[in-house]
Protein backbone atom coordinates (compact mmCIF):
# COMPACT_ATOMS: atom_id res chain seq x y z
CA MET A 1 2.68 22.41 46.59
CA THR A 2 3.50 19.11 44.58
CA THR A 3 6.79 17.55 45.46
CA SER A 4 8.89 15.34 43.09
CA THR A 5 8.00 12.32 44.98
CA ASP A 6 4.30 13.01 44.53
CA ALA A 7 4.95 13.73 40.59
CA ALA A 8 6.83 10.26 40.44
CA MET A 9 4.16 8.49 42.22
CA ASN A 10 1.39 10.00 39.84
CA LEU A 11 3.48 9.03 36.87
CA ASN A 12 3.79 5.40 38.13
CA THR A 13 0.16 5.24 38.80
CA ALA A 14 -0.62 6.35 35.10
CA ARG A 15 1.83 3.87 33.71
CA THR A 16 0.09 1.14 35.73
CA SER A 17 -3.37 2.02 35.00
CA GLN A 18 -2.91 2.32 31.21
CA PRO A 19 -2.27 -1.47 30.65
CA ILE A 20 -5.20 -2.21 32.98
CA ALA A 21 -7.38 0.08 30.88
CA VAL A 22 -6.28 -1.46 27.64
CA GLY A 23 -6.93 -4.99 29.06
CA ALA A 24 -10.33 -4.18 30.14
CA ILE A 25 -11.15 -2.70 26.63
CA ALA A 26 -9.93 -5.82 24.99
CA LEU A 27 -11.93 -8.22 27.58
CA ALA A 28 -14.98 -6.09 26.51
CA VAL A 29 -14.32 -6.46 22.80
CA ILE A 30 -13.93 -10.17 23.23
CA ALA A 31 -17.00 -10.40 25.17
CA PHE A 32 -18.97 -8.37 22.62
CA ALA A 33 -17.63 -10.75 19.86
CA LEU A 34 -18.82 -13.71 21.69
CA TYR A 35 -22.28 -11.91 22.18
CA CYS A 36 -22.38 -11.27 18.23
CA PHE A 37 -21.96 -15.08 17.64
CA GLN A 38 -24.67 -16.10 20.05
CA THR A 39 -27.09 -13.70 18.76
CA TYR A 40 -26.49 -13.98 15.01
CA GLY A 41 -24.78 -17.36 14.48
CA ALA A 42 -22.04 -18.17 11.93
CA ASP A 43 -24.14 -17.15 8.86
CA GLY A 44 -26.08 -14.28 10.52
CA ASN A 45 -26.63 -10.90 9.15
CA PHE A 46 -24.21 -8.68 11.03
CA GLY A 47 -25.37 -5.55 9.48
CA MET A 48 -23.08 -2.56 10.88
CA LEU A 49 -21.44 -4.97 13.30
CA SER A 50 -19.56 -6.38 10.30
CA LEU A 51 -17.38 -3.22 10.69
CA LEU A 52 -16.20 -4.23 14.17
CA PRO A 53 -12.94 -6.19 13.17
CA THR A 54 -11.95 -3.39 10.84
CA GLY A 55 -12.56 -0.70 13.48
CA VAL A 56 -10.44 -2.91 15.94
CA VAL A 57 -7.56 -3.00 13.65
CA ILE A 58 -7.61 0.88 12.96
CA ALA A 59 -7.83 1.65 16.55
CA THR A 60 -5.18 -0.86 17.65
CA ALA A 61 -2.64 0.21 15.06
CA LEU A 62 -3.21 3.97 16.08
CA TYR A 63 -2.48 2.90 19.74
CA THR A 64 0.38 0.62 19.25
CA LYS A 65 1.94 1.86 15.98
CA ARG A 66 2.36 -1.72 15.00
CA THR A 67 0.55 -3.19 11.89
CA ILE A 68 1.04 -6.94 12.01
CA GLU A 69 -0.15 -7.49 15.54
CA SER A 70 -3.24 -4.94 15.03
CA LEU A 71 -4.35 -7.07 11.95
CA PHE A 72 -4.09 -10.35 13.61
CA ILE A 73 -6.14 -8.96 16.47
CA GLY A 74 -8.92 -7.88 14.08
CA VAL A 75 -8.84 -11.34 12.46
CA LEU A 76 -9.27 -12.89 15.91
CA VAL A 77 -12.21 -10.65 16.70
CA GLY A 78 -13.86 -11.51 13.43
CA LEU A 79 -13.37 -15.07 14.01
CA ILE A 80 -14.85 -15.01 17.40
CA MET A 81 -17.82 -13.30 16.02
CA THR A 82 -18.59 -16.07 13.49
CA ASN A 83 -17.44 -19.19 15.27
CA SER A 84 -17.99 -21.13 18.43
CA VAL A 85 -15.29 -21.49 21.05
CA ALA A 86 -14.95 -25.09 20.34
CA ASP A 87 -14.34 -24.26 16.60
CA PHE A 88 -12.06 -21.23 17.03
CA ILE A 89 -8.87 -22.71 16.76
CA PRO A 90 -9.62 -25.17 13.94
CA VAL A 91 -11.09 -22.34 11.95
CA LEU A 92 -8.02 -20.13 12.59
CA GLY A 93 -5.93 -22.77 11.27
CA SER A 94 -8.18 -23.28 8.06
CA THR A 95 -8.08 -19.40 7.54
CA PHE A 96 -4.40 -19.66 7.45
CA LEU A 97 -4.19 -22.44 4.98
CA ASP A 98 -6.86 -20.86 2.83
CA VAL A 99 -4.82 -17.70 2.47
CA PHE A 100 -1.64 -19.64 1.87
CA MET A 101 -3.12 -21.83 -0.69
CA ASN A 102 -4.70 -18.57 -2.65
CA GLU A 103 -2.93 -18.25 -5.82
CA THR A 104 -2.81 -14.48 -5.52
CA VAL A 105 -1.12 -14.41 -2.16
CA ALA A 106 1.39 -17.15 -3.36
CA TRP A 107 2.06 -14.99 -6.51
CA ILE A 108 2.64 -11.96 -4.16
CA PHE A 109 5.13 -13.78 -1.78
CA VAL A 110 7.19 -15.01 -4.56
CA ALA A 111 7.12 -11.96 -6.70
CA CYS A 112 8.04 -9.70 -3.74
CA GLY A 113 10.65 -12.06 -2.36
CA LEU A 114 12.35 -12.14 -5.91
CA MET A 115 11.95 -8.31 -6.00
CA GLY A 116 14.03 -8.28 -2.67
CA SER A 117 16.58 -10.52 -4.17
CA MET A 118 16.88 -8.11 -7.23
CA ILE A 119 17.35 -5.34 -5.11
CA ALA A 120 20.00 -6.98 -2.98
CA LEU A 121 21.92 -8.20 -6.06
CA VAL A 122 22.02 -4.53 -7.35
CA THR A 123 22.94 -3.10 -4.11
CA MET A 124 25.80 -5.64 -3.54
CA GLY A 125 27.11 -5.11 -7.15
CA GLY A 126 27.62 -1.43 -6.27
CA GLY A 127 24.82 -0.42 -8.89
CA ALA A 128 22.68 1.59 -6.41
CA GLU A 129 25.77 3.46 -5.15
CA ALA A 130 26.94 4.23 -8.61
CA PHE A 131 23.34 5.41 -9.63
CA GLY A 132 23.36 7.78 -6.64
CA ARG A 133 26.77 9.23 -7.41
CA TRP A 134 25.74 9.67 -11.01
CA LEU A 135 22.45 11.40 -9.65
CA THR A 136 24.31 13.90 -7.58
CA THR A 137 26.39 14.91 -10.41
CA LYS A 138 23.00 15.84 -12.49
CA VAL A 139 20.83 17.12 -9.56
CA HIS A 140 22.24 19.18 -6.69
CA THR A 141 19.08 20.32 -4.90
CA LYS A 142 16.64 18.80 -2.64
CA LYS A 143 13.58 19.71 -4.94
CA GLY A 144 15.43 18.37 -7.86
CA THR A 145 16.37 14.96 -6.20
CA LEU A 146 12.60 14.60 -5.35
CA PHE A 147 11.32 15.51 -8.69
CA SER A 148 13.89 12.90 -10.16
CA THR A 149 12.19 10.38 -7.83
CA MET A 150 8.80 11.35 -9.02
CA ALA A 151 10.18 11.00 -12.82
CA LEU A 152 11.37 7.57 -12.13
CA GLY A 153 7.87 6.73 -10.79
CA LEU A 154 6.34 7.70 -14.02
CA VAL A 155 8.79 5.68 -16.03
CA ILE A 156 8.43 2.61 -13.99
CA PHE A 157 4.65 2.33 -14.37
CA ILE A 158 4.11 -1.30 -15.14
CA ASP A 159 3.32 -2.38 -11.59
CA ASP A 160 3.07 -0.56 -8.23
CA TYR A 161 4.93 -3.37 -6.48
CA LEU A 162 7.89 -2.86 -9.08
CA ASN A 163 7.50 0.93 -8.68
CA ALA A 164 7.66 1.05 -4.95
CA LEU A 165 10.48 -1.20 -4.24
CA THR A 166 12.66 -0.39 -6.99
CA ILE A 167 12.44 3.51 -6.74
CA GLY A 168 12.52 3.48 -2.81
CA ALA A 169 15.61 1.26 -2.64
CA SER A 170 17.37 3.18 -5.64
CA MET A 171 16.79 6.83 -4.33
CA ARG A 172 17.58 6.27 -0.55
CA LYS A 173 21.23 7.44 -0.67
CA ALA A 174 20.54 10.27 -3.23
CA THR A 175 17.79 11.79 -0.94
CA ASP A 176 20.02 11.05 2.20
CA ARG A 177 22.67 13.30 0.49
CA VAL A 178 20.38 16.29 0.13
CA LYS A 179 18.84 15.88 3.71
CA THR A 180 15.44 14.51 2.97
CA SER A 181 13.52 12.65 5.53
CA ARG A 182 12.79 9.08 4.48
CA GLU A 183 9.01 9.78 5.40
CA PHE A 184 9.12 12.36 2.61
CA LEU A 185 10.91 9.94 0.09
CA ALA A 186 8.25 7.16 1.00
CA TYR A 187 5.48 9.60 0.38
CA VAL A 188 6.84 10.64 -3.17
CA VAL A 189 7.47 6.81 -3.88
CA ASP A 190 4.09 5.69 -2.86
CA SER A 191 2.47 8.68 -4.80
CA THR A 192 3.80 7.59 -7.99
CA ALA A 193 2.82 3.90 -7.54
CA ALA A 194 -0.89 3.06 -7.84
CA PRO A 195 -1.91 6.49 -8.84
CA VAL A 196 0.37 6.41 -11.81
CA CYS A 197 -0.49 2.80 -12.75
CA ILE A 198 -4.15 3.47 -13.11
CA ILE A 199 -3.64 6.32 -15.50
CA LEU A 200 -1.56 4.39 -17.96
CA PRO A 201 -3.34 1.51 -20.01
CA PHE A 202 -0.06 -0.69 -19.97
CA SER A 203 -0.06 -1.65 -16.34
CA THR A 204 -1.28 -4.64 -14.05
CA TRP A 205 -4.10 -2.33 -12.85
CA ALA A 206 -5.31 -1.69 -16.28
CA VAL A 207 -5.42 -5.47 -17.23
CA PHE A 208 -7.23 -6.34 -13.93
CA PHE A 209 -9.86 -3.67 -14.27
CA SER A 210 -10.46 -4.08 -17.99
CA GLY A 211 -11.25 -7.79 -17.40
CA LEU A 212 -13.47 -6.89 -14.57
CA LEU A 213 -15.49 -4.56 -16.80
CA GLU A 214 -15.96 -7.17 -19.29
CA GLU A 215 -17.01 -9.69 -16.76
CA ASN A 216 -19.83 -7.21 -15.62
CA ASN A 217 -21.09 -6.76 -18.99
CA VAL A 218 -20.55 -3.02 -19.30
CA ALA A 219 -17.91 -3.77 -21.97
CA ALA A 220 -17.99 -6.29 -24.71
CA GLU A 221 -15.33 -8.84 -24.77
CA GLY A 222 -12.04 -7.44 -25.82
CA GLN A 223 -13.51 -3.95 -25.28
CA GLY A 224 -12.71 -3.58 -21.52
CA ILE A 225 -9.39 -1.83 -22.08
CA ASP A 226 -11.22 0.84 -24.42
CA LEU A 227 -13.73 1.55 -21.42
CA PHE A 228 -10.79 1.64 -19.05
CA ILE A 229 -8.92 4.21 -21.57
CA SER A 230 -12.06 6.36 -21.78
CA SER A 231 -12.43 6.40 -18.03
CA ILE A 232 -8.67 7.68 -17.44
CA PRO A 233 -9.53 11.40 -17.77
CA TYR A 234 -12.22 10.78 -14.81
CA MET A 235 -9.61 8.98 -12.41
CA LEU A 236 -9.38 12.07 -10.44
CA TYR A 237 -7.69 10.80 -7.63
CA ALA A 238 -4.54 10.01 -9.64
CA TRP A 239 -4.46 13.42 -11.19
CA VAL A 240 -5.11 15.16 -7.85
CA CYS A 241 -2.58 13.06 -5.92
CA LEU A 242 0.18 13.83 -8.57
CA ALA A 243 -0.57 17.59 -8.46
CA VAL A 244 -0.29 17.27 -4.50
CA VAL A 245 2.91 15.84 -4.59
CA MET A 246 4.35 18.23 -7.19
CA LEU A 247 3.04 21.15 -4.96
CA ALA A 248 4.66 19.36 -1.73
CA ILE A 249 7.97 19.02 -3.43
CA SER A 250 8.09 22.46 -4.69
CA GLY A 251 7.20 23.98 -1.27
CA LYS A 252 4.05 25.55 -2.55
CA LEU A 253 2.02 23.29 -0.32
CA PRO A 254 3.11 23.69 3.23
CA LEU A 255 4.30 20.44 5.19
CA LEU A 256 1.20 18.87 6.91
CA GLY A 257 0.93 16.93 10.00
CA LYS A 258 3.73 14.59 11.07
CA MET A 259 5.58 15.31 7.90
CA LYS A 260 6.52 18.70 9.22
CA ASP A 261 7.92 17.07 12.41
CA ALA A 262 9.88 14.70 9.96
CA GLU A 263 11.48 17.34 7.94
CA LYS A 264 12.27 19.34 10.92
CA ARG A 265 14.13 16.59 12.45
CA VAL A 266 16.31 16.22 9.61
CA GLU A 267 16.89 19.89 9.46
CA SER A 268 17.92 20.19 13.16
CA THR A 269 19.83 16.87 13.76
CA GLY A 270 20.68 15.84 10.13
CA GLN A 271 18.75 12.50 11.13
CA VAL A 272 16.90 11.14 7.97
CA VAL A 273 15.39 8.09 9.94
CA SER A 274 13.71 8.59 13.21
CA ASP A 275 14.99 6.71 16.25
CA ALA A 276 11.92 4.63 16.32
CA ASP A 277 12.43 3.50 12.56
CA ILE A 278 16.12 2.63 12.98
CA PRO A 279 15.34 -1.28 13.26
CA HIS A 280 13.64 -0.92 9.88
CA ASN A 281 16.48 0.73 8.08
CA VAL A 282 18.35 -2.40 7.30
CA GLU A 283 21.03 -1.83 4.75
CA MET A 284 22.45 -4.43 2.62
CA ASP A 285 26.27 -5.35 2.79
CA ALA A 286 28.35 -2.74 1.29
CA GLY A 287 28.51 -2.95 -2.41
CA VAL A 288 31.45 -2.94 -4.84
CA GLU A 289 33.31 0.08 -4.61
CA LYS A 290 33.45 2.44 -7.82
CA SER A 291 30.82 0.24 -9.63
CA HIS A 292 29.73 1.48 -13.06
CA THR A 293 26.12 2.99 -13.55
CA LEU A 294 25.46 0.24 -15.96
CA ASN A 295 25.19 -2.09 -12.94
CA PHE A 296 22.10 -0.17 -11.95
CA PHE A 297 20.72 0.48 -15.35
CA MET A 298 21.06 -2.94 -17.01
CA PRO A 299 19.32 -5.00 -14.08
CA ILE A 300 16.57 -2.22 -13.90
CA ALA A 301 16.12 -2.20 -17.61
CA SER A 302 15.83 -6.04 -17.79
CA LEU A 303 13.47 -6.12 -15.14
CA ILE A 304 11.09 -3.66 -16.65
CA PHE A 305 11.63 -5.21 -20.25
CA PHE A 306 10.93 -8.86 -18.92
CA THR A 307 7.84 -7.95 -16.78
CA TRP A 308 6.40 -6.50 -19.96
CA TYR A 309 7.60 -9.26 -22.20
CA PHE A 310 5.79 -11.76 -19.94
CA ASP A 311 2.44 -10.03 -20.34
CA ILE A 312 3.11 -7.76 -17.21
CA ASP A 313 4.10 -10.54 -14.88
CA ILE A 314 6.39 -9.08 -12.31
CA MET A 315 7.39 -12.42 -10.97
CA SER A 316 8.47 -13.81 -14.39
CA GLY A 317 10.23 -10.57 -15.04
CA ALA A 318 11.99 -10.71 -11.67
CA MET A 319 13.03 -14.15 -12.29
CA ALA A 320 14.40 -13.59 -15.80
CA SER A 321 16.18 -10.29 -14.59
CA ILE A 322 17.90 -12.09 -11.94
CA PHE A 323 19.45 -14.52 -14.23
CA VAL A 324 20.47 -11.70 -16.53
CA THR A 325 22.14 -9.86 -13.52
CA LEU A 326 23.98 -13.00 -12.38
CA ALA A 327 25.33 -13.28 -15.80
CA PHE A 328 26.16 -9.55 -16.16
CA PHE A 329 28.00 -9.31 -12.91
CA GLY A 330 29.48 -12.76 -13.33
CA VAL A 331 31.16 -11.58 -16.70
CA GLN A 332 32.63 -8.60 -14.70
CA ARG A 333 33.70 -10.66 -11.94
CA LEU A 334 31.98 -8.14 -9.56
CA LEU A 335 31.16 -10.73 -7.07
CA SER A 336 31.83 -14.62 -6.46
CA VAL A 337 29.06 -16.92 -7.18
CA GLY A 338 28.70 -17.60 -3.40
CA GLN A 339 28.43 -13.88 -2.73
CA MET A 340 25.65 -13.38 -5.35
CA PHE A 341 23.55 -16.28 -4.09
CA ASP A 342 23.94 -15.22 -0.56
CA GLY A 343 22.59 -11.73 -1.62
CA ILE A 344 19.66 -13.51 -3.37
CA LEU A 345 18.77 -15.22 -0.37
CA LYS A 346 19.25 -12.25 2.15
CA GLY A 347 17.08 -10.12 -0.25
CA PHE A 348 14.31 -12.66 -0.32
CA VAL A 349 14.43 -13.10 3.52
CA GLY A 350 14.56 -9.41 4.04
CA MET A 351 11.16 -9.26 2.57
CA ILE A 352 9.46 -11.58 5.20
CA MET A 353 8.36 -8.57 7.53
CA PRO A 354 6.42 -6.57 4.91
CA LEU A 355 5.10 -10.01 3.46
CA GLY A 356 3.83 -10.90 6.92
CA THR A 357 1.79 -7.67 7.07
CA LEU A 358 0.28 -8.55 3.78
CA PHE A 359 -0.53 -12.10 4.81
CA CYS A 360 -2.46 -10.64 7.82
CA GLY A 361 -4.22 -8.26 5.55
CA PHE A 362 -5.45 -10.94 3.42
CA MET A 363 -6.68 -12.84 6.43
CA LEU A 364 -8.64 -9.66 7.52
CA ALA A 365 -10.23 -9.73 4.00
CA GLU A 366 -11.15 -13.26 4.35
CA VAL A 367 -12.91 -12.36 7.81
CA ASN A 368 -14.66 -9.32 6.04
CA ASP A 369 -16.07 -11.43 3.45
CA THR A 370 -17.48 -13.83 5.83
CA LEU A 371 -18.99 -10.90 7.82
CA GLY A 372 -20.36 -9.40 4.55
CA THR A 373 -18.97 -6.27 5.12
CA THR A 374 -18.72 -5.00 1.45
CA GLU A 375 -22.07 -6.03 0.69
CA TYR A 376 -23.41 -4.19 3.79
CA VAL A 377 -21.81 -0.83 3.22
CA ILE A 378 -22.80 -0.74 -0.54
CA ASN A 379 -26.36 -1.63 0.15
CA ALA A 380 -26.72 0.75 2.93
CA THR A 381 -25.71 3.47 0.58
CA THR A 382 -27.44 2.63 -2.50
CA THR A 383 -30.34 4.99 -1.63
CA PHE A 384 -28.10 8.01 -2.15
CA MET A 385 -26.89 6.95 -5.54
CA THR A 386 -28.97 9.03 -7.91
CA SER A 387 -27.47 9.58 -11.36
CA GLU A 388 -25.86 12.88 -10.22
CA MET A 389 -24.71 11.75 -6.91
CA LEU A 390 -23.73 8.13 -7.94
CA PRO A 391 -20.13 8.79 -9.03
CA MET A 392 -19.18 10.82 -5.86
CA VAL A 393 -21.07 8.07 -3.41
CA ALA A 394 -19.29 5.23 -5.35
CA PHE A 395 -15.83 6.90 -4.86
CA VAL A 396 -16.52 7.73 -1.16
CA VAL A 397 -17.89 4.31 -0.29
CA MET A 398 -15.47 2.14 -2.22
CA ALA A 399 -12.40 4.55 -0.88
CA ALA A 400 -13.58 4.00 2.59
CA LEU A 401 -13.81 0.08 1.99
CA ALA A 402 -10.62 0.00 0.20
CA PHE A 403 -8.90 1.86 3.05
CA ALA A 404 -10.50 -0.15 5.81
CA THR A 405 -10.19 -3.65 4.45
CA ALA A 406 -6.90 -3.23 2.37
CA SER A 407 -8.59 -5.07 -0.35
CA PHE A 408 -8.04 -2.74 -3.48
CA TRP A 409 -8.94 -5.25 -6.10
CA GLY A 410 -11.11 -7.80 -4.14
CA ILE A 411 -13.81 -5.63 -3.05
CA PHE A 412 -14.44 -4.59 -6.58
CA VAL A 413 -15.18 -8.07 -7.65
CA VAL A 414 -18.18 -7.64 -5.17
CA GLY A 415 -18.84 -3.99 -5.66
CA MET A 416 -18.94 -3.61 -9.30
CA PRO A 417 -21.79 -6.07 -9.95
CA ILE A 418 -23.68 -3.83 -7.63
CA ILE A 419 -22.77 -0.43 -8.52
CA LEU A 420 -22.52 -0.81 -12.34
CA PRO A 421 -26.01 -2.10 -12.97
CA LEU A 422 -27.29 0.66 -10.80
CA ALA A 423 -25.21 2.88 -12.76
CA LEU A 424 -26.98 1.72 -15.96
CA ALA A 425 -30.35 1.87 -14.34
CA VAL A 426 -30.12 5.43 -13.44
CA ASN A 427 -28.49 6.52 -16.80
CA ALA A 428 -25.12 7.69 -15.02
CA ASP A 429 -22.13 8.35 -17.24
CA ILE A 430 -20.49 4.86 -17.17
CA PRO A 431 -16.67 6.17 -17.92
CA LEU A 432 -17.05 8.49 -14.89
CA VAL A 433 -18.38 5.81 -12.54
CA VAL A 434 -15.70 3.62 -13.52
CA GLY A 435 -13.22 6.22 -13.07
CA ALA A 436 -14.64 6.95 -9.65
CA MET A 437 -14.40 3.40 -8.48
CA ILE A 438 -10.70 2.82 -9.89
CA SER A 439 -9.84 6.18 -8.32
CA ALA A 440 -11.32 4.76 -4.98
CA SER A 441 -9.03 1.61 -5.36
CA ALA A 442 -5.86 3.92 -5.89
CA PHE A 443 -6.92 6.02 -2.75
CA GLY A 444 -7.17 2.92 -0.61
CA SER A 445 -3.76 1.68 -1.84
CA HIS A 446 -2.27 4.85 -1.18
CA ALA A 447 -3.91 5.71 2.25
CA CYS A 448 -4.21 2.35 3.83
CA PHE A 449 -1.51 1.91 6.53
CA TYR A 450 -1.54 -1.98 6.14
CA GLY A 451 -1.99 -1.97 2.42
CA ASP A 452 0.47 -3.57 0.13
CA SER A 453 1.80 -0.34 -1.63
CA THR A 454 2.09 1.40 1.92
CA VAL A 455 4.08 -1.62 3.40
CA LEU A 456 6.27 -1.98 0.32
CA SER A 457 7.10 1.71 -0.03
CA ALA A 458 7.90 1.76 3.63
CA LYS A 459 10.20 -1.14 3.36
CA ALA A 460 11.98 0.17 0.41
CA CYS A 461 12.49 3.43 2.13
CA GLY A 462 13.70 1.73 5.49
CA ILE A 463 11.14 2.98 7.72
CA SER A 464 8.08 1.37 9.38
CA PRO A 465 4.63 1.14 7.72
CA MET A 466 3.08 3.26 10.60
CA SER A 467 5.60 6.07 10.13
CA HIS A 468 4.79 6.13 6.42
CA ALA A 469 1.24 6.03 6.68
CA ILE A 470 0.86 8.77 9.30
CA THR A 471 2.97 11.19 7.46
CA GLN A 472 1.34 10.58 4.13
CA LEU A 473 -2.41 10.33 5.47
CA PRO A 474 -3.07 14.28 5.40
CA TYR A 475 -1.83 14.44 1.76
CA ALA A 476 -3.84 11.37 0.74
CA MET A 477 -7.01 12.89 2.54
CA LEU A 478 -6.61 16.09 0.75
CA GLY A 479 -6.50 14.52 -2.37
CA GLY A 480 -9.46 12.12 -1.47
CA VAL A 481 -11.72 15.34 -0.44
CA VAL A 482 -10.70 17.31 -3.70
CA SER A 483 -11.49 14.19 -5.71
CA ALA A 484 -14.90 13.63 -3.96
CA ILE A 485 -15.86 17.25 -4.81
CA GLY A 486 -14.82 16.77 -8.32
CA PHE A 487 -16.98 13.65 -8.77
CA LEU A 488 -19.78 15.54 -7.20
CA ALA A 489 -19.48 18.50 -9.68
CA LEU A 490 -18.91 16.22 -12.69
CA GLY A 491 -22.08 13.88 -11.89
CA PHE A 492 -24.20 17.13 -12.15
CA MET A 493 -22.29 18.47 -15.34
CA LEU A 494 -22.42 15.13 -17.09
């Protein structure tokens, strides 16, 4: 018969042995990484071993439920594989600098920081609270509020960052009032970010991919957007994703995985944020009482307008809209000049944590480029790319790469020059193949737990990226499987 003393001893033994086992695995991984450098050298052909850093990131994140640390550990493993012990620290420093000096990374830091400032201003001016009160007079049910969230996502389609940050922050209090978990809110917000941006030709995604199609000579100069538009019907993941989220909101699709636990928590305790996510649920200072809804709609409308006016540049749009908001609030004397500038600073600083995750994700992308991860995976699967199979294989391969590397645009700079010539050679349907690849990019953005859209959606909704990713993943995987089957069927039909 087991006594309480024996049970306590067994529990303590388990707690002691767990860190020892983790430490032993970590040492084994480092030793293997050192072996890889000794065997292949800095410029070697690592083949399947190029997947090791990404595998370490995924395993570590699932175990620790922490993203920044997991990404950084994966970066360290990749650098050990490609550098000697003597060069490790200098190379780590140069990788930091390379990422910091990357124009895209700098743009993301400034743009997201300014978006944080914009959201803080609207909150302090009482705009967010006024919008929530107004919405509750129009929509009284949980389903209605979530469908309103989805509708906002369809309206703010210019950029996925703009979409996620604006809608998540705007709909928090409205969904809290109807007892919806923040996890469900984050899922709806994220599902109308990248998936919506790719099916509308007036978005940052359309601009990027149409330019990439012209660079790869599958579209003449100035005709890339036409090919992009002709591929929109074949961007299956976006269409399936929107259908899945509508079914989930309406209740026709049952709650899946951890999302069921999150919604049960709200029903039983009324707690919209889990205990583990309370540190992430940072609220801005209380806004002006009884503010007008114009203090929400005017800043948001100016943000959308100026982003469009400056050639879909969210950074310039955020800058301009902050000036408009300062003037608009100043005329009303809602806040003092000091309060408004304090809000701008607090909002910018509040974005540091998600930006840290994105920064480590870019470092991992640098490491994967050095290891040749993308080229290896694509080249290893080209034998399966017949004219009928190519759309499905391209979707699955690029979706897996996007999910694993958190590079939703960068890997296509490498992948398109390989896949598109192959599609032309086997006489595959080009709009279908393009639709498959852009769908893969949207899937990666939607599903990756350290991807930019996931991180920013979680930040806007006040939960951790891991909580958001784990609850959203079953729905994303369902959409991915249905899309893969659809691309296989269309490959044979077309």
